């Protein structure tokens, strides 16, 4: 039967059991547990082995976590150095693929936009120029201003209707 207990609780439980076995069963030659005969020394040895294994895994886990933290810190620093080196080497040896290959770098290939993307861009450009009323040099040259005296001026005069007569209420 396995019990769901934490490592610390299991070790504490086993330490208390060792004290109890040494105190109560020190003079007993054999103890039968689940149909199997054990000496008190064998019981103490099994419980102590569990405690020692738990302590060893805790120490190993602490060392492991410390090593992982050191690896992560080293990786952060190395990534920063690598990015800087890649930028430097790429800018200096952009035209020399053999030198770039010696560092393990390659230039990114230029991606050509597909026809749908280009057509969409042209439509957006036209729509923007229309919305902003922007014109090219030749279109601006075709627009001529008019002098106010050239066009006939029409004024509108509005005649207001007289107000209705007011009759007092009796």
C-alpha atoms as a PDB file:
ATOM      1  CA  UNK A   1       0.000   0.000   0.000  1.00  0.00           C
ATOM      2  CA  UNK A   2       1.494   3.332  -1.048  1.00  0.00           C
ATOM      3  CA  UNK A   3       0.654   6.462   0.859  1.00  0.00           C
ATOM      4  CA  UNK A   4       0.478   9.868  -0.763  1.00  0.00           C
ATOM      5  CA  UNK A   5       2.780  11.804   1.516  1.00  0.00           C
ATOM      6  CA  UNK A   6       5.367  14.392   0.767  1.00  0.00           C
ATOM      7  CA  UNK A   7       9.030  13.567   0.939  1.00  0.00           C
ATOM      8  CA  UNK A   8       9.512  15.658   4.076  1.00  0.00           C
ATOM      9  CA  UNK A   9       6.514  14.080   5.809  1.00  0.00           C
ATOM     10  CA  UNK A  10       7.663  10.581   4.843  1.00  0.00           C
ATOM     11  CA  UNK A  11      11.178  11.189   6.195  1.00  0.00           C
ATOM     12  CA  UNK A  12       9.790  12.643   9.423  1.00  0.00           C
ATOM     13  CA  UNK A  13       7.413   9.708   9.786  1.00  0.00           C
ATOM     14  CA  UNK A  14      10.270   7.233   9.225  1.00  0.00           C
ATOM     15  CA  UNK A  15      12.527   8.975  11.786  1.00  0.00           C
ATOM     16  CA  UNK A  16       9.791   8.714  14.409  1.00  0.00           C
ATOM     17  CA  UNK A  17       9.232   5.035  13.505  1.00  0.00           C
ATOM     18  CA  UNK A  18      12.945   4.307  13.952  1.00  0.00           C
ATOM     19  CA  UNK A  19      12.861   5.861  17.428  1.00  0.00           C
ATOM     20  CA  UNK A  20       9.792   3.773  18.283  1.00  0.00           C
ATOM     21  CA  UNK A  21      11.283   0.504  17.000  1.00  0.00           C
ATOM     22  CA  UNK A  22      14.513   1.073  18.933  1.00  0.00           C
ATOM     23  CA  UNK A  23      12.579   1.895  22.086  1.00  0.00           C
ATOM     24  CA  UNK A  24       9.794  -0.731  22.027  1.00  0.00           C
ATOM     25  CA  UNK A  25      11.192  -3.636  19.978  1.00  0.00           C
ATOM     26  CA  UNK A  26      14.923  -3.530  20.787  1.00  0.00           C
ATOM     27  CA  UNK A  27      14.828  -6.891  22.592  1.00  0.00           C
ATOM     28  CA  UNK A  28      12.369  -8.603  20.237  1.00  0.00           C
ATOM     29  CA  UNK A  29      14.175 -11.085  17.951  1.00  0.00           C
ATOM     30  CA  UNK A  30      11.721 -10.941  15.001  1.00  0.00           C
ATOM     31  CA  UNK A  31       8.715  -8.891  13.988  1.00  0.00           C
ATOM     32  CA  UNK A  32       6.200 -10.224  11.441  1.00  0.00           C
ATOM     33  CA  UNK A  33       4.873  -7.519   9.057  1.00  0.00           C
ATOM     34  CA  UNK A  34       2.383  -8.558   6.356  1.00  0.00           C
ATOM     35  CA  UNK A  35       3.451 -12.191   6.733  1.00  0.00           C
ATOM     36  CA  UNK A  36       7.190 -11.467   6.418  1.00  0.00           C
ATOM     37  CA  UNK A  37       9.604 -11.757   9.357  1.00  0.00           C
ATOM     38  CA  UNK A  38      11.953  -8.835  10.057  1.00  0.00           C
ATOM     39  CA  UNK A  39      14.479  -8.143  12.751  1.00  0.00           C
ATOM     40  CA  UNK A  40      14.301  -4.737  14.400  1.00  0.00           C
ATOM     41  CA  UNK A  41      17.670  -3.899  12.846  1.00  0.00           C
ATOM     42  CA  UNK A  42      16.321  -4.720   9.355  1.00  0.00           C
ATOM     43  CA  UNK A  43      13.293  -2.504   9.918  1.00  0.00           C
ATOM     44  CA  UNK A  44      15.488   0.370  11.096  1.00  0.00           C
ATOM     45  CA  UNK A  45      17.807  -0.206   8.119  1.00  0.00           C
ATOM     46  CA  UNK A  46      14.893  -0.058   5.596  1.00  0.00           C
ATOM     47  CA  UNK A  47      13.452   3.091   7.138  1.00  0.00           C
ATOM     48  CA  UNK A  48      16.889   4.756   7.310  1.00  0.00           C
ATOM     49  CA  UNK A  49      17.548   3.838   3.648  1.00  0.00           C
ATOM     50  CA  UNK A  50      14.364   5.671   2.671  1.00  0.00           C
ATOM     51  CA  UNK A  51      15.438   8.735   4.673  1.00  0.00           C
ATOM     52  CA  UNK A  52      18.924   8.700   3.123  1.00  0.00           C
ATOM     53  CA  UNK A  53      17.518   8.348  -0.406  1.00  0.00           C
ATOM     54  CA  UNK A  54      15.133  11.259   0.147  1.00  0.00           C
ATOM     55  CA  UNK A  55      17.963  13.418   1.481  1.00  0.00           C
ATOM     56  CA  UNK A  56      20.143  12.488  -1.500  1.00  0.00           C
ATOM     57  CA  UNK A  57      17.444  13.353  -4.044  1.00  0.00           C
ATOM     58  CA  UNK A  58      16.765  16.667  -2.288  1.00  0.00           C
ATOM     59  CA  UNK A  59      20.450  17.539  -2.459  1.00  0.00           C
ATOM     60  CA  UNK A  60      20.642  16.392  -6.087  1.00  0.00           C
ATOM     61  CA  UNK A  61      17.544  18.421  -6.954  1.00  0.00           C
ATOM     62  CA  UNK A  62      19.068  21.526  -5.373  1.00  0.00           C
ATOM     63  CA  UNK A  63      22.284  21.021  -7.342  1.00  0.00           C
ATOM     64  CA  UNK A  64      20.251  20.410 -10.508  1.00  0.00           C
ATOM     65  CA  UNK A  65      18.186  23.588 -10.056  1.00  0.00           C
ATOM     66  CA  UNK A  66      21.325  25.577  -9.369  1.00  0.00           C
ATOM     67  CA  UNK A  67      22.913  24.179 -12.545  1.00  0.00           C
ATOM     68  CA  UNK A  68      19.779  24.992 -14.578  1.00  0.00           C
ATOM     69  CA  UNK A  69      19.767  28.570 -13.272  1.00  0.00           C
ATOM     70  CA  UNK A  70      23.449  28.934 -14.186  1.00  0.00           C
ATOM     71  CA  UNK A  71      22.754  27.549 -17.669  1.00  0.00           C
ATOM     72  CA  UNK A  72      19.897  29.994 -18.212  1.00  0.00           C
ATOM     73  CA  UNK A  73      22.013  32.951 -17.110  1.00  0.00           C
ATOM     74  CA  UNK A  74      24.853  31.858 -19.391  1.00  0.00           C
ATOM     75  CA  UNK A  75      22.415  31.401 -22.283  1.00  0.00           C
ATOM     76  CA  UNK A  76      21.009  34.915 -21.871  1.00  0.00           C
ATOM     77  CA  UNK A  77      24.500  36.408 -21.994  1.00  0.00           C
ATOM     78  CA  UNK A  78      25.567  34.181 -24.899  1.00  0.00           C
ATOM     79  CA  UNK A  79      22.429  35.072 -26.896  1.00  0.00           C
ATOM     80  CA  UNK A  80      23.172  38.773 -26.486  1.00  0.00           C
ATOM     81  CA  UNK A  81      26.763  38.290 -27.631  1.00  0.00           C
ATOM     82  CA  UNK A  82      25.664  36.103 -30.553  1.00  0.00           C
ATOM     83  CA  UNK A  83      23.130  38.670 -31.812  1.00  0.00           C
ATOM     84  CA  UNK A  84      25.741  41.422 -31.630  1.00  0.00           C
ATOM     85  CA  UNK A  85      28.317  39.288 -33.416  1.00  0.00           C
ATOM     86  CA  UNK A  86      25.825  38.358 -36.125  1.00  0.00           C
ATOM     87  CA  UNK A  87      24.985  42.022 -36.705  1.00  0.00           C
ATOM     88  CA  UNK A  88      28.655  42.987 -36.874  1.00  0.00           C
ATOM     89  CA  UNK A  89      29.717  40.151 -39.171  1.00  0.00           C
ATOM     90  CA  UNK A  90      26.702  40.582 -41.452  1.00  0.00           C
ATOM     91  CA  UNK A  91      27.319  44.297 -41.847  1.00  0.00           C
ATOM     92  CA  UNK A  92      31.046  43.850 -42.502  1.00  0.00           C
ATOM     93  CA  UNK A  93      30.940  40.791 -44.755  1.00  0.00           C
ATOM     94  CA  UNK A  94      27.528  41.155 -46.432  1.00  0.00           C
ATOM     95  CA  UNK A  95      29.062  40.675 -49.888  1.00  0.00           C
ATOM     96  CA  UNK A  96      31.231  37.692 -48.911  1.00  0.00           C
ATOM     97  CA  UNK A  97      29.098  34.586 -48.410  1.00  0.00           C
ATOM     98  CA  UNK A  98      32.161  32.404 -47.749  1.00  0.00           C
ATOM     99  CA  UNK A  99      33.162  34.527 -44.764  1.00  0.00           C
ATOM    100  CA  UNK A 100      29.595  34.521 -43.488  1.00  0.00           C
ATOM    101  CA  UNK A 101      29.510  30.725 -43.835  1.00  0.00           C
ATOM    102  CA  UNK A 102      32.675  30.462 -41.715  1.00  0.00           C
ATOM    103  CA  UNK A 103      30.647  31.989 -38.877  1.00  0.00           C
ATOM    104  CA  UNK A 104      27.616  29.842 -39.676  1.00  0.00           C
ATOM    105  CA  UNK A 105      25.579  32.835 -40.881  1.00  0.00           C
ATOM    106  CA  UNK A 106      23.564  33.273 -44.053  1.00  0.00           C
ATOM    107  CA  UNK A 107      21.884  36.347 -45.444  1.00  0.00           C
ATOM    108  CA  UNK A 108      18.104  36.187 -45.421  1.00  0.00           C
ATOM    109  CA  UNK A 109      16.652  35.739 -48.884  1.00  0.00           C
ATOM    110  CA  UNK A 110      14.511  38.616 -50.180  1.00  0.00           C
ATOM    111  CA  UNK A 111      10.919  37.576 -50.452  1.00  0.00           C
ATOM    112  CA  UNK A 112       9.016  38.823 -53.478  1.00  0.00           C
ATOM    113  CA  UNK A 113       5.436  39.851 -52.708  1.00  0.00           C
ATOM    114  CA  UNK A 114       2.779  37.923 -54.590  1.00  0.00           C
ATOM    115  CA  UNK A 115       0.523  39.563 -57.172  1.00  0.00           C
ATOM    116  CA  UNK A 116      -2.432  39.894 -54.795  1.00  0.00           C
ATOM    117  CA  UNK A 117      -0.332  41.847 -52.292  1.00  0.00           C
ATOM    118  CA  UNK A 118       0.961  44.213 -54.981  1.00  0.00           C
ATOM    119  CA  UNK A 119      -2.560  44.775 -56.384  1.00  0.00           C
ATOM    120  CA  UNK A 120      -3.897  45.463 -52.900  1.00  0.00           C
ATOM    121  CA  UNK A 121      -1.117  47.994 -52.309  1.00  0.00           C
ATOM    122  CA  UNK A 122      -1.903  49.821 -55.563  1.00  0.00           C
ATOM    123  CA  UNK A 123      -5.599  50.020 -54.671  1.00  0.00           C
ATOM    124  CA  UNK A 124      -4.839  51.330 -51.188  1.00  0.00           C
ATOM    125  CA  UNK A 125      -2.487  53.958 -52.631  1.00  0.00           C
ATOM    126  CA  UNK A 126      -5.165  55.220 -55.051  1.00  0.00           C
ATOM    127  CA  UNK A 127      -7.799  55.268 -52.314  1.00  0.00           C
ATOM    128  CA  UNK A 128      -5.501  57.242 -50.010  1.00  0.00           C
ATOM    129  CA  UNK A 129      -4.688  59.839 -52.696  1.00  0.00           C
ATOM    130  CA  UNK A 130      -8.396  60.233 -53.473  1.00  0.00           C
ATOM    131  CA  UNK A 131      -9.326  60.623 -49.822  1.00  0.00           C
ATOM    132  CA  UNK A 132      -6.599  63.223 -49.222  1.00  0.00           C
ATOM    133  CA  UNK A 133      -7.125  64.992 -52.558  1.00  0.00           C
ATOM    134  CA  UNK A 134      -3.456  64.647 -53.367  1.00  0.00           C
ATOM    135  CA  UNK A 135      -2.299  65.178 -56.918  1.00  0.00           C
ATOM    136  CA  UNK A 136       0.841  64.735 -58.909  1.00  0.00           C
ATOM    137  CA  UNK A 137       2.842  67.540 -60.525  1.00  0.00           C
ATOM    138  CA  UNK A 138       1.035  67.338 -63.881  1.00  0.00           C
ATOM    139  CA  UNK A 139      -2.399  67.211 -62.291  1.00  0.00           C
ATOM    140  CA  UNK A 140      -1.643  70.309 -60.258  1.00  0.00           C
ATOM    141  CA  UNK A 141      -0.471  72.139 -63.408  1.00  0.00           C
ATOM    142  CA  UNK A 142      -3.850  71.572 -65.056  1.00  0.00           C
ATOM    143  CA  UNK A 143      -5.719  73.382 -62.293  1.00  0.00           C
ATOM    144  CA  UNK A 144      -6.046  77.123 -62.830  1.00  0.00           C
ATOM    145  CA  UNK A 145      -7.457  79.537 -60.313  1.00  0.00           C
ATOM    146  CA  UNK A 146     -10.304  81.869 -61.195  1.00  0.00           C
ATOM    147  CA  UNK A 147     -10.532  85.531 -60.307  1.00  0.00           C
ATOM    148  CA  UNK A 148     -13.616  86.555 -58.418  1.00  0.00           C
ATOM    149  CA  UNK A 149     -14.541  89.158 -61.081  1.00  0.00           C
ATOM    150  CA  UNK A 150     -14.652  86.628 -63.942  1.00  0.00           C
ATOM    151  CA  UNK A 151     -17.581  84.647 -62.694  1.00  0.00           C
ATOM    152  CA  UNK A 152     -21.023  86.261 -62.465  1.00  0.00           C
ATOM    153  CA  UNK A 153     -21.984  86.900 -58.905  1.00  0.00           C
ATOM    154  CA  UNK A 154     -25.494  85.997 -57.940  1.00  0.00           C
ATOM    155  CA  UNK A 155     -26.890  86.992 -54.646  1.00  0.00           C
ATOM    156  CA  UNK A 156     -29.926  85.563 -53.144  1.00  0.00           C
ATOM    157  CA  UNK A 157     -32.295  87.789 -51.303  1.00  0.00           C
ATOM    158  CA  UNK A 158     -34.723  86.159 -49.068  1.00  0.00           C
ATOM    159  CA  UNK A 159     -38.041  87.865 -48.446  1.00  0.00           C
ATOM    160  CA  UNK A 160     -39.567  87.173 -45.147  1.00  0.00           C
ATOM    161  CA  UNK A 161     -43.283  86.687 -44.857  1.00  0.00           C
ATOM    162  CA  UNK A 162     -45.074  89.110 -42.480  1.00  0.00           C
ATOM    163  CA  UNK A 163     -45.991  87.613 -39.148  1.00  0.00           C
ATOM    164  CA  UNK A 164     -49.601  86.539 -38.690  1.00  0.00           C
ATOM    165  CA  UNK A 165     -51.852  88.965 -36.802  1.00  0.00           C
ATOM    166  CA  UNK A 166     -52.235  88.287 -33.132  1.00  0.00           C
ATOM    167  CA  UNK A 167     -55.753  88.193 -31.762  1.00  0.00           C
ATOM    168  CA  UNK A 168     -56.245  88.537 -28.032  1.00  0.00           C
ATOM    169  CA  UNK A 169     -58.211  85.878 -26.269  1.00  0.00           C
ATOM    170  CA  UNK A 170     -61.303  87.106 -24.361  1.00  0.00           C
END
